[in-house]
Amino acid sequence: MFFLPNPDPRLADDLILSATDIVAGSVCEFAAVRKLDVRLGRIPAPAQEEDAMGNPTAALGDKHEAKVLGLLRVATELARNPTLSGRLGKRARARNVVAVSLL
């Protein structure tokens, strides 16, 4: 879950949800809202329990998710960029779609 800055300063930033966020929200909508409250700084982050197997697995999942979200962020910014028009813009957007689909 992160906020993608809106190119128009008059509009609010876009909230981007990951697959993990959607699954967490489907299991318990209050957990998703609580995570959003932590992101917005409304409440402190809860303490995490130590888990010998879960922590390394979660770290790998977070690393992969960050990589995918980074590519999606670039693709979204390219799609919003009005200076990339014509064939150059189409090529740049196509490369990002291919890069994201290869993950």
PDB file of N, CA and C in Angstrom:
ATOM      1  N   MET A   1       0.851  -1.160   0.000  1.00  0.00           N
ATOM      2  CA  MET A   1       0.000   0.000   0.000  1.00  0.00           C
ATOM      3  C   MET A   1       0.899   1.225   0.000  1.00  0.00           C
ATOM      4  N   PHE A   2       0.683   2.078  -0.993  1.00  0.00           N
ATOM      5  CA  PHE A   2       1.444   3.320  -1.025  1.00  0.00           C
ATOM      6  C   PHE A   2       0.634   4.370  -1.769  1.00  0.00           C
ATOM      7  N   PHE A   3       1.099   5.601  -1.691  1.00  0.00           N
ATOM      8  CA  PHE A   3       0.451   6.703  -2.380  1.00  0.00           C
ATOM      9  C   PHE A   3       1.299   7.109  -3.573  1.00  0.00           C
ATOM     10  N   LEU A   4       0.671   7.172  -4.730  1.00  0.00           N
ATOM     11  CA  LEU A   4       1.336   7.605  -5.947  1.00  0.00           C
ATOM     12  C   LEU A   4       1.030   9.084  -6.122  1.00  0.00           C
ATOM     13  N   PRO A   5       2.060   9.935  -6.152  1.00  0.00           N
ATOM     14  CA  PRO A   5       1.806  11.370  -6.276  1.00  0.00           C
ATOM     15  C   PRO A   5       1.035  11.695  -7.553  1.00  0.00           C
ATOM     16  N   ASN A   6       0.041  12.535  -7.407  1.00  0.00           N
ATOM     17  CA  ASN A   6      -0.759  12.960  -8.540  1.00  0.00           C
ATOM     18  C   ASN A   6      -0.026  14.086  -9.242  1.00  0.00           C
ATOM     19  N   PRO A   7       0.061  14.050 -10.582  1.00  0.00           N
ATOM     20  CA  PRO A   7       0.765  15.121 -11.290  1.00  0.00           C
ATOM     21  C   PRO A   7       0.061  16.479 -11.156  1.00  0.00           C
ATOM     22  N   ASP A   8      -1.214  16.455 -10.871  1.00  0.00           N
ATOM     23  CA  ASP A   8      -1.971  17.697 -10.662  1.00  0.00           C
ATOM     24  C   ASP A   8      -1.964  18.001  -9.170  1.00  0.00           C
ATOM     25  N   PRO A   9      -1.267  19.063  -8.748  1.00  0.00           N
ATOM     26  CA  PRO A   9      -1.147  19.347  -7.308  1.00  0.00           C
ATOM     27  C   PRO A   9      -2.479  19.681  -6.645  1.00  0.00           C
ATOM     28  N   ARG A  10      -3.498  19.977  -7.438  1.00  0.00           N
ATOM     29  CA  ARG A  10      -4.815  20.294  -6.864  1.00  0.00           C
ATOM     30  C   ARG A  10      -5.566  19.040  -6.436  1.00  0.00           C
ATOM     31  N   LEU A  11      -5.130  17.875  -6.937  1.00  0.00           N
ATOM     32  CA  LEU A  11      -5.819  16.621  -6.638  1.00  0.00           C
ATOM     33  C   LEU A  11      -5.036  15.808  -5.617  1.00  0.00           C
ATOM     34  N   ALA A  12      -5.755  14.966  -4.897  1.00  0.00           N
ATOM     35  CA  ALA A  12      -5.124  14.101  -3.891  1.00  0.00           C
ATOM     36  C   ALA A  12      -4.300  13.018  -4.579  1.00  0.00           C
ATOM     37  N   ASP A  13      -3.300  12.506  -3.866  1.00  0.00           N
ATOM     38  CA  ASP A  13      -2.494  11.400  -4.385  1.00  0.00           C
ATOM     39  C   ASP A  13      -3.359  10.146  -4.506  1.00  0.00           C
ATOM     40  N   ASP A  14      -2.977   9.253  -5.417  1.00  0.00           N
ATOM     41  CA  ASP A  14      -3.712   8.008  -5.627  1.00  0.00           C
ATOM     42  C   ASP A  14      -3.230   6.938  -4.660  1.00  0.00           C
ATOM     43  N   LEU A  15      -4.164   6.249  -4.027  1.00  0.00           N
ATOM     44  CA  LEU A  15      -3.837   5.134  -3.149  1.00  0.00           C
ATOM     45  C   LEU A  15      -3.707   3.884  -4.007  1.00  0.00           C
ATOM     46  N   ILE A  16      -2.545   3.229  -3.948  1.00  0.00           N
ATOM     47  CA  ILE A  16      -2.289   2.019  -4.718  1.00  0.00           C
ATOM     48  C   ILE A  16      -2.273   0.838  -3.755  1.00  0.00           C
ATOM     49  N   LEU A  17      -3.103  -0.160  -4.035  1.00  0.00           N
ATOM     50  CA  LEU A  17      -3.183  -1.360  -3.206  1.00  0.00           C
ATOM     51  C   LEU A  17      -2.484  -2.511  -3.902  1.00  0.00           C
ATOM     52  N   SER A  18      -1.753  -3.288  -3.140  1.00  0.00           N
ATOM     53  CA  SER A  18      -1.090  -4.476  -3.683  1.00  0.00           C
ATOM     54  C   SER A  18      -2.010  -5.681  -3.503  1.00  0.00           C
ATOM     55  N   ALA A  19      -1.602  -6.804  -4.061  1.00  0.00           N
ATOM     56  CA  ALA A  19      -2.367  -8.044  -3.888  1.00  0.00           C
ATOM     57  C   ALA A  19      -2.454  -8.416  -2.408  1.00  0.00           C
ATOM     58  N   THR A  20      -1.378  -8.205  -1.690  1.00  0.00           N
ATOM     59  CA  THR A  20      -1.371  -8.491  -0.253  1.00  0.00           C
ATOM     60  C   THR A  20      -2.403  -7.648   0.477  1.00  0.00           C
ATOM     61  N   ASP A  21      -2.500  -6.376   0.110  1.00  0.00           N
ATOM     62  CA  ASP A  21      -3.466  -5.486   0.738  1.00  0.00           C
ATOM     63  C   ASP A  21      -4.902  -5.934   0.452  1.00  0.00           C
ATOM     64  N   ILE A  22      -5.144  -6.378  -0.782  1.00  0.00           N
ATOM     65  CA  ILE A  22      -6.487  -6.816  -1.156  1.00  0.00           C
ATOM     66  C   ILE A  22      -6.860  -8.094  -0.407  1.00  0.00           C
ATOM     67  N   VAL A  23      -5.918  -9.026  -0.295  1.00  0.00           N
ATOM     68  CA  VAL A  23      -6.181 -10.263   0.452  1.00  0.00           C
ATOM     69  C   VAL A  23      -6.439  -9.934   1.921  1.00  0.00           C
ATOM     70  N   ALA A  24      -5.624  -9.064   2.496  1.00  0.00           N
ATOM     71  CA  ALA A  24      -5.819  -8.683   3.901  1.00  0.00           C
ATOM     72  C   ALA A  24      -7.192  -8.038   4.095  1.00  0.00           C
ATOM     73  N   GLY A  25      -7.608  -7.217   3.143  1.00  0.00           N
ATOM     74  CA  GLY A  25      -8.917  -6.584   3.227  1.00  0.00           C
ATOM     75  C   GLY A  25     -10.063  -7.564   3.064  1.00  0.00           C
ATOM     76  N   SER A  26      -9.859  -8.616   2.268  1.00  0.00           N
ATOM     77  CA  SER A  26     -10.924  -9.605   2.095  1.00  0.00           C
ATOM     78  C   SER A  26     -11.074 -10.489   3.333  1.00  0.00           C
ATOM     79  N   VAL A  27      -9.970 -10.692   4.050  1.00  0.00           N
ATOM     80  CA  VAL A  27     -10.020 -11.489   5.279  1.00  0.00           C
ATOM     81  C   VAL A  27     -10.617 -10.664   6.417  1.00  0.00           C
ATOM     82  N   CYS A  28     -10.165  -9.430   6.533  1.00  0.00           N
ATOM     83  CA  CYS A  28     -10.657  -8.548   7.601  1.00  0.00           C
ATOM     84  C   CYS A  28     -10.515  -7.101   7.134  1.00  0.00           C
ATOM     85  N   GLU A  29     -11.659  -6.480   6.826  1.00  0.00           N
ATOM     86  CA  GLU A  29     -11.592  -5.104   6.319  1.00  0.00           C
ATOM     87  C   GLU A  29     -11.020  -4.130   7.341  1.00  0.00           C
ATOM     88  N   PHE A  30     -11.169  -4.444   8.621  1.00  0.00           N
ATOM     89  CA  PHE A  30     -10.608  -3.572   9.641  1.00  0.00           C
ATOM     90  C   PHE A  30      -9.078  -3.600   9.629  1.00  0.00           C
ATOM     91  N   ALA A  31      -8.488  -4.742   9.269  1.00  0.00           N
ATOM     92  CA  ALA A  31      -7.027  -4.838   9.177  1.00  0.00           C
ATOM     93  C   ALA A  31      -6.510  -3.936   8.062  1.00  0.00           C
ATOM     94  N   ALA A  32      -7.226  -3.892   6.934  1.00  0.00           N
ATOM     95  CA  ALA A  32      -6.813  -3.038   5.823  1.00  0.00           C
ATOM     96  C   ALA A  32      -6.924  -1.563   6.200  1.00  0.00           C
ATOM     97  N   VAL A  33      -8.001  -1.203   6.873  1.00  0.00           N
ATOM     98  CA  VAL A  33      -8.179   0.190   7.302  1.00  0.00           C
ATOM     99  C   VAL A  33      -7.136   0.552   8.352  1.00  0.00           C
ATOM    100  N   ARG A  34      -6.824  -0.378   9.234  1.00  0.00           N
ATOM    101  CA  ARG A  34      -5.796  -0.123  10.258  1.00  0.00           C
ATOM    102  C   ARG A  34      -4.433   0.110   9.604  1.00  0.00           C
ATOM    103  N   LYS A  35      -4.108  -0.689   8.576  1.00  0.00           N
ATOM    104  CA  LYS A  35      -2.844  -0.503   7.865  1.00  0.00           C
ATOM    105  C   LYS A  35      -2.803   0.871   7.193  1.00  0.00           C
ATOM    106  N   LEU A  36      -3.925   1.290   6.641  1.00  0.00           N
ATOM    107  CA  LEU A  36      -3.997   2.619   6.035  1.00  0.00           C
ATOM    108  C   LEU A  36      -3.804   3.708   7.088  1.00  0.00           C
ATOM    109  N   ASP A  37      -4.397   3.521   8.254  1.00  0.00           N
ATOM    110  CA  ASP A  37      -4.207   4.489   9.341  1.00  0.00           C
ATOM    111  C   ASP A  37      -2.740   4.590   9.747  1.00  0.00           C
ATOM    112  N   VAL A  38      -2.033   3.457   9.771  1.00  0.00           N
ATOM    113  CA  VAL A  38      -0.594   3.474  10.081  1.00  0.00           C
ATOM    114  C   VAL A  38       0.147   4.260   9.001  1.00  0.00           C
ATOM    115  N   ARG A  39      -0.179   4.002   7.709  1.00  0.00           N
ATOM    116  CA  ARG A  39       0.485   4.704   6.590  1.00  0.00           C
ATOM    117  C   ARG A  39       0.265   6.208   6.664  1.00  0.00           C
ATOM    118  N   LEU A  40      -0.927   6.604   7.090  1.00  0.00           N
ATOM    119  CA  LEU A  40      -1.249   8.029   7.179  1.00  0.00           C
ATOM    120  C   LEU A  40      -0.720   8.672   8.460  1.00  0.00           C
ATOM    121  N   GLY A  41      -0.147   7.858   9.355  1.00  0.00           N
ATOM    122  CA  GLY A  41       0.419   8.384  10.599  1.00  0.00           C
ATOM    123  C   GLY A  41      -0.625   8.669  11.661  1.00  0.00           C
ATOM    124  N   ARG A  42      -1.816   8.132  11.506  1.00  0.00           N
ATOM    125  CA  ARG A  42      -2.879   8.364  12.485  1.00  0.00           C
ATOM    126  C   ARG A  42      -2.679   7.545  13.748  1.00  0.00           C
ATOM    127  N   ILE A  43      -2.075   6.349  13.596  1.00  0.00           N
ATOM    128  CA  ILE A  43      -1.819   5.462  14.738  1.00  0.00           C
ATOM    129  C   ILE A  43      -0.416   4.875  14.589  1.00  0.00           C
ATOM    130  N   PRO A  44       0.197   4.445  15.710  1.00  0.00           N
ATOM    131  CA  PRO A  44       1.522   3.809  15.590  1.00  0.00           C
ATOM    132  C   PRO A  44       1.400   2.400  15.019  1.00  0.00           C
ATOM    133  N   ALA A  45       2.467   1.947  14.402  1.00  0.00           N
ATOM    134  CA  ALA A  45       2.489   0.584  13.858  1.00  0.00           C
ATOM    135  C   ALA A  45       2.470  -0.421  14.995  1.00  0.00           C
ATOM    136  N   PRO A  46       1.699  -1.497  14.870  1.00  0.00           N
ATOM    137  CA  PRO A  46       1.655  -2.503  15.944  1.00  0.00           C
ATOM    138  C   PRO A  46       2.971  -3.274  16.034  1.00  0.00           C
ATOM    139  N   ALA A  47       3.263  -3.768  17.219  1.00  0.00           N
ATOM    140  CA  ALA A  47       4.472  -4.576  17.418  1.00  0.00           C
ATOM    141  C   ALA A  47       4.306  -5.912  16.701  1.00  0.00           C
ATOM    142  N   GLN A  48       5.371  -6.377  16.083  1.00  0.00           N
ATOM    143  CA  GLN A  48       5.347  -7.639  15.350  1.00  0.00           C
ATOM    144  C   GLN A  48       5.928  -8.751  16.214  1.00  0.00           C
ATOM    145  N   GLU A  49       5.269  -9.907  16.196  1.00  0.00           N
ATOM    146  CA  GLU A  49       5.778 -11.071  16.917  1.00  0.00           C
ATOM    147  C   GLU A  49       6.935 -11.681  16.129  1.00  0.00           C
ATOM    148  N   GLU A  50       7.863 -12.299  16.851  1.00  0.00           N
ATOM    149  CA  GLU A  50       9.000 -12.967  16.217  1.00  0.00           C
ATOM    150  C   GLU A  50       8.552 -14.319  15.682  1.00  0.00           C
ATOM    151  N   ASP A  51       8.834 -14.590  14.411  1.00  0.00           N
ATOM    152  CA  ASP A  51       8.453 -15.852  13.774  1.00  0.00           C
ATOM    153  C   ASP A  51       9.645 -16.323  12.942  1.00  0.00           C
ATOM    154  N   ALA A  52      10.261 -17.446  13.360  1.00  0.00           N
ATOM    155  CA  ALA A  52      11.496 -17.919  12.725  1.00  0.00           C
ATOM    156  C   ALA A  52      11.301 -18.262  11.250  1.00  0.00           C
ATOM    157  N   MET A  53      10.188 -18.797  10.858  1.00  0.00           N
ATOM    158  CA  MET A  53       9.958 -19.169   9.461  1.00  0.00           C
ATOM    159  C   MET A  53       9.208 -18.073   8.705  1.00  0.00           C
ATOM    160  N   GLY A  54       8.261 -17.460   9.377  1.00  0.00           N
ATOM    161  CA  GLY A  54       7.427 -16.464   8.713  1.00  0.00           C
ATOM    162  C   GLY A  54       8.163 -15.189   8.349  1.00  0.00           C
ATOM    163  N   ASN A  55       9.095 -14.757   9.186  1.00  0.00           N
ATOM    164  CA  ASN A  55       9.804 -13.502   8.915  1.00  0.00           C
ATOM    165  C   ASN A  55      10.638 -13.551   7.634  1.00  0.00           C
ATOM    166  N   PRO A  56      11.469 -14.594   7.427  1.00  0.00           N
ATOM    167  CA  PRO A  56      12.220 -14.644   6.166  1.00  0.00           C
ATOM    168  C   PRO A  56      11.304 -14.773   4.945  1.00  0.00           C
ATOM    169  N   THR A  57      10.233 -15.554   5.092  1.00  0.00           N
ATOM    170  CA  THR A  57       9.288 -15.711   3.989  1.00  0.00           C
ATOM    171  C   THR A  57       8.612 -14.390   3.677  1.00  0.00           C
ATOM    172  N   ALA A  58       8.187 -13.688   4.698  1.00  0.00           N
ATOM    173  CA  ALA A  58       7.547 -12.384   4.504  1.00  0.00           C
ATOM    174  C   ALA A  58       8.522 -11.384   3.886  1.00  0.00           C
ATOM    175  N   ALA A  59       9.784 -11.441   4.296  1.00  0.00           N
ATOM    176  CA  ALA A  59      10.784 -10.531   3.735  1.00  0.00           C
ATOM    177  C   ALA A  59      10.970 -10.780   2.238  1.00  0.00           C
ATOM    178  N   LEU A  60      11.004 -12.057   1.836  1.00  0.00           N
ATOM    179  CA  LEU A  60      11.111 -12.371   0.406  1.00  0.00           C
ATOM    180  C   LEU A  60       9.881 -11.899  -0.359  1.00  0.00           C
ATOM    181  N   GLY A  61       8.713 -12.113   0.225  1.00  0.00           N
ATOM    182  CA  GLY A  61       7.481 -11.653  -0.405  1.00  0.00           C
ATOM    183  C   GLY A  61       7.434 -10.145  -0.529  1.00  0.00           C
ATOM    184  N   ASP A  62       7.871  -9.444   0.516  1.00  0.00           N
ATOM    185  CA  ASP A  62       7.903  -7.977   0.482  1.00  0.00           C
ATOM    186  C   ASP A  62       8.873  -7.471  -0.578  1.00  0.00           C
ATOM    187  N   LYS A  63      10.010  -8.146  -0.709  1.00  0.00           N
ATOM    188  CA  LYS A  63      11.010  -7.748  -1.712  1.00  0.00           C
ATOM    189  C   LYS A  63      10.441  -7.902  -3.124  1.00  0.00           C
ATOM    190  N   HIS A  64       9.789  -9.046  -3.370  1.00  0.00           N
ATOM    191  CA  HIS A  64       9.177  -9.272  -4.685  1.00  0.00           C
ATOM    192  C   HIS A  64       8.059  -8.258  -4.948  1.00  0.00           C
ATOM    193  N   GLU A  65       7.239  -8.034  -3.945  1.00  0.00           N
ATOM    194  CA  GLU A  65       6.132  -7.086  -4.098  1.00  0.00           C
ATOM    195  C   GLU A  65       6.656  -5.685  -4.382  1.00  0.00           C
ATOM    196  N   ALA A  66       7.715  -5.274  -3.703  1.00  0.00           N
ATOM    197  CA  ALA A  66       8.296  -3.953  -3.935  1.00  0.00           C
ATOM    198  C   ALA A  66       8.805  -3.818  -5.370  1.00  0.00           C
ATOM    199  N   LYS A  67       9.392  -4.904  -5.895  1.00  0.00           N
ATOM    200  CA  LYS A  67       9.889  -4.896  -7.272  1.00  0.00           C
ATOM    201  C   LYS A  67       8.736  -4.723  -8.263  1.00  0.00           C
ATOM    202  N   VAL A  68       7.681  -5.487  -8.069  1.00  0.00           N
ATOM    203  CA  VAL A  68       6.526  -5.413  -8.960  1.00  0.00           C
ATOM    204  C   VAL A  68       5.856  -4.048  -8.851  1.00  0.00           C
ATOM    205  N   LEU A  69       5.682  -3.555  -7.623  1.00  0.00           N
ATOM    206  CA  LEU A  69       5.048  -2.247  -7.443  1.00  0.00           C
ATOM    207  C   LEU A  69       5.892  -1.134  -8.052  1.00  0.00           C
ATOM    208  N   GLY A  70       7.210  -1.272  -7.984  1.00  0.00           N
ATOM    209  CA  GLY A  70       8.086  -0.282  -8.609  1.00  0.00           C
ATOM    210  C   GLY A  70       7.889  -0.234 -10.112  1.00  0.00           C
ATOM    211  N   LEU A  71       7.784  -1.401 -10.728  1.00  0.00           N
ATOM    212  CA  LEU A  71       7.534  -1.444 -12.173  1.00  0.00           C
ATOM    213  C   LEU A  71       6.165  -0.878 -12.516  1.00  0.00           C
ATOM    214  N   LEU A  72       5.171  -1.195 -11.696  1.00  0.00           N
ATOM    215  CA  LEU A  72       3.839  -0.648 -11.937  1.00  0.00           C
ATOM    216  C   LEU A  72       3.818   0.865 -11.758  1.00  0.00           C
ATOM    217  N   ARG A  73       4.597   1.349 -10.789  1.00  0.00           N
ATOM    218  CA  ARG A  73       4.667   2.795 -10.563  1.00  0.00           C
ATOM    219  C   ARG A  73       5.261   3.487 -11.788  1.00  0.00           C
ATOM    220  N   VAL A  74       6.325   2.914 -12.348  1.00  0.00           N
ATOM    221  CA  VAL A  74       6.942   3.487 -13.549  1.00  0.00           C
ATOM    222  C   VAL A  74       5.962   3.452 -14.717  1.00  0.00           C
ATOM    223  N   ALA A  75       5.266   2.333 -14.880  1.00  0.00           N
ATOM    224  CA  ALA A  75       4.307   2.212 -15.980  1.00  0.00           C
ATOM    225  C   ALA A  75       3.190   3.237 -15.831  1.00  0.00           C
ATOM    226  N   THR A  76       2.716   3.444 -14.605  1.00  0.00           N
ATOM    227  CA  THR A  76       1.651   4.417 -14.363  1.00  0.00           C
ATOM    228  C   THR A  76       2.136   5.826 -14.641  1.00  0.00           C
ATOM    229  N   GLU A  77       3.355   6.145 -14.215  1.00  0.00           N
ATOM    230  CA  GLU A  77       3.891   7.480 -14.459  1.00  0.00           C
ATOM    231  C   GLU A  77       4.093   7.730 -15.948  1.00  0.00           C
ATOM    232  N   LEU A  78       4.525   6.697 -16.684  1.00  0.00           N
ATOM    233  CA  LEU A  78       4.665   6.845 -18.134  1.00  0.00           C
ATOM    234  C   LEU A  78       3.314   7.077 -18.797  1.00  0.00           C
ATOM    235  N   ALA A  79       2.318   6.354 -18.339  1.00  0.00           N
ATOM    236  CA  ALA A  79       0.985   6.503 -18.927  1.00  0.00           C
ATOM    237  C   ALA A  79       0.424   7.895 -18.676  1.00  0.00           C
ATOM    238  N   ARG A  80       0.805   8.510 -17.559  1.00  0.00           N
ATOM    239  CA  ARG A  80       0.313   9.844 -17.212  1.00  0.00           C
ATOM    240  C   ARG A  80       1.132  10.963 -17.857  1.00  0.00           C
ATOM    241  N   ASN A  81       2.307  10.632 -18.368  1.00  0.00           N
ATOM    242  CA  ASN A  81       3.219  11.655 -18.861  1.00  0.00           C
ATOM    243  C   ASN A  81       2.739  12.195 -20.210  1.00  0.00           C
ATOM    244  N   PRO A  82       2.283  13.447 -20.248  1.00  0.00           N
ATOM    245  CA  PRO A  82       1.770  13.997 -21.503  1.00  0.00           C
ATOM    246  C   PRO A  82       2.868  14.300 -22.525  1.00  0.00           C
ATOM    247  N   THR A  83       4.119  14.379 -22.085  1.00  0.00           N
ATOM    248  CA  THR A  83       5.195  14.694 -23.028  1.00  0.00           C
ATOM    249  C   THR A  83       5.586  13.483 -23.864  1.00  0.00           C
ATOM    250  N   LEU A  84       5.242  12.292 -23.389  1.00  0.00           N
ATOM    251  CA  LEU A  84       5.532  11.080 -24.156  1.00  0.00           C
ATOM    252  C   LEU A  84       4.325  10.765 -25.039  1.00  0.00           C
ATOM    253  N   SER A  85       4.363  11.264 -26.234  1.00  0.00           N
ATOM    254  CA  SER A  85       3.253  11.016 -27.137  1.00  0.00           C
ATOM    255  C   SER A  85       3.779  10.373 -28.413  1.00  0.00           C
ATOM    256  N   GLY A  86       2.887   9.948 -29.232  1.00  0.00           N
ATOM    257  CA  GLY A  86       3.268   9.363 -30.506  1.00  0.00           C
ATOM    258  C   GLY A  86       3.954   8.025 -30.326  1.00  0.00           C
ATOM    259  N   ARG A  87       4.856   7.708 -31.264  1.00  0.00           N
ATOM    260  CA  ARG A  87       5.517   6.399 -31.256  1.00  0.00           C
ATOM    261  C   ARG A  87       6.436   6.219 -30.058  1.00  0.00           C
ATOM    262  N   LEU A  88       7.116   7.297 -29.641  1.00  0.00           N
ATOM    263  CA  LEU A  88       8.018   7.189 -28.489  1.00  0.00           C
ATOM    264  C   LEU A  88       7.242   6.783 -27.240  1.00  0.00           C
ATOM    265  N   GLY A  89       6.115   7.424 -26.997  1.00  0.00           N
ATOM    266  CA  GLY A  89       5.300   7.094 -25.830  1.00  0.00           C
ATOM    267  C   GLY A  89       4.759   5.689 -25.897  1.00  0.00           C
ATOM    268  N   LYS A  90       4.314   5.269 -27.072  1.00  0.00           N
ATOM    269  CA  LYS A  90       3.785   3.913 -27.231  1.00  0.00           C
ATOM    270  C   LYS A  90       4.867   2.872 -26.965  1.00  0.00           C
ATOM    271  N   ARG A  91       6.080   3.123 -27.468  1.00  0.00           N
ATOM    272  CA  ARG A  91       7.185   2.181 -27.236  1.00  0.00           C
ATOM    273  C   ARG A  91       7.529   2.082 -25.750  1.00  0.00           C
ATOM    274  N   ALA A  92       7.615   3.234 -25.087  1.00  0.00           N
ATOM    275  CA  ALA A  92       7.966   3.237 -23.660  1.00  0.00           C
ATOM    276  C   ALA A  92       6.908   2.495 -22.852  1.00  0.00           C
ATOM    277  N   ARG A  93       5.637   2.736 -23.136  1.00  0.00           N
ATOM    278  CA  ARG A  93       4.579   2.055 -22.410  1.00  0.00           C
ATOM    279  C   ARG A  93       4.579   0.558 -22.723  1.00  0.00           C
ATOM    280  N   ALA A  94       4.826   0.187 -23.964  1.00  0.00           N
ATOM    281  CA  ALA A  94       4.852  -1.229 -24.348  1.00  0.00           C
ATOM    282  C   ALA A  94       5.992  -1.959 -23.630  1.00  0.00           C
ATOM    283  N   ARG A  95       7.145  -1.317 -23.509  1.00  0.00           N
ATOM    284  CA  ARG A  95       8.272  -1.945 -22.806  1.00  0.00           C
ATOM    285  C   ARG A  95       7.919  -2.219 -21.350  1.00  0.00           C
ATOM    286  N   ASN A  96       7.232  -1.283 -20.723  1.00  0.00           N
ATOM    287  CA  ASN A  96       6.854  -1.477 -19.325  1.00  0.00           C
ATOM    288  C   ASN A  96       5.816  -2.566 -19.176  1.00  0.00           C
ATOM    289  N   VAL A  97       4.891  -2.661 -20.092  1.00  0.00           N
ATOM    290  CA  VAL A  97       3.880  -3.732 -20.028  1.00  0.00           C
ATOM    291  C   VAL A  97       4.581  -5.078 -20.169  1.00  0.00           C
ATOM    292  N   VAL A  98       5.529  -5.188 -21.069  1.00  0.00           N
ATOM    293  CA  VAL A  98       6.265  -6.438 -21.244  1.00  0.00           C
ATOM    294  C   VAL A  98       7.079  -6.743 -19.999  1.00  0.00           C
ATOM    295  N   ALA A  99       7.748  -5.740 -19.429  1.00  0.00           N
ATOM    296  CA  ALA A  99       8.553  -5.951 -18.219  1.00  0.00           C
ATOM    297  C   ALA A  99       7.693  -6.433 -17.076  1.00  0.00           C
ATOM    298  N   VAL A 100       6.526  -5.849 -16.884  1.00  0.00           N
ATOM    299  CA  VAL A 100       5.642  -6.242 -15.798  1.00  0.00           C
ATOM    300  C   VAL A 100       5.104  -7.652 -16.043  1.00  0.00           C
ATOM    301  N   SER A 101       4.774  -7.978 -17.290  1.00  0.00           N
ATOM    302  CA  SER A 101       4.202  -9.295 -17.584  1.00  0.00           C
ATOM    303  C   SER A 101       5.232 -10.413 -17.421  1.00  0.00           C
ATOM    304  N   LEU A 102       6.521 -10.104 -17.487  1.00  0.00           N
ATOM    305  CA  LEU A 102       7.550 -11.125 -17.330  1.00  0.00           C
ATOM    306  C   LEU A 102       7.780 -11.525 -15.880  1.00  0.00           C
ATOM    307  N   LEU A 103       7.259 -10.745 -14.944  1.00  0.00           N
ATOM    308  CA  LEU A 103       7.478 -11.070 -13.527  1.00  0.00           C
ATOM    309  C   LEU A 103       6.679 -12.217 -13.097  1.00  0.00           C
TER     310      LEU A 103
END
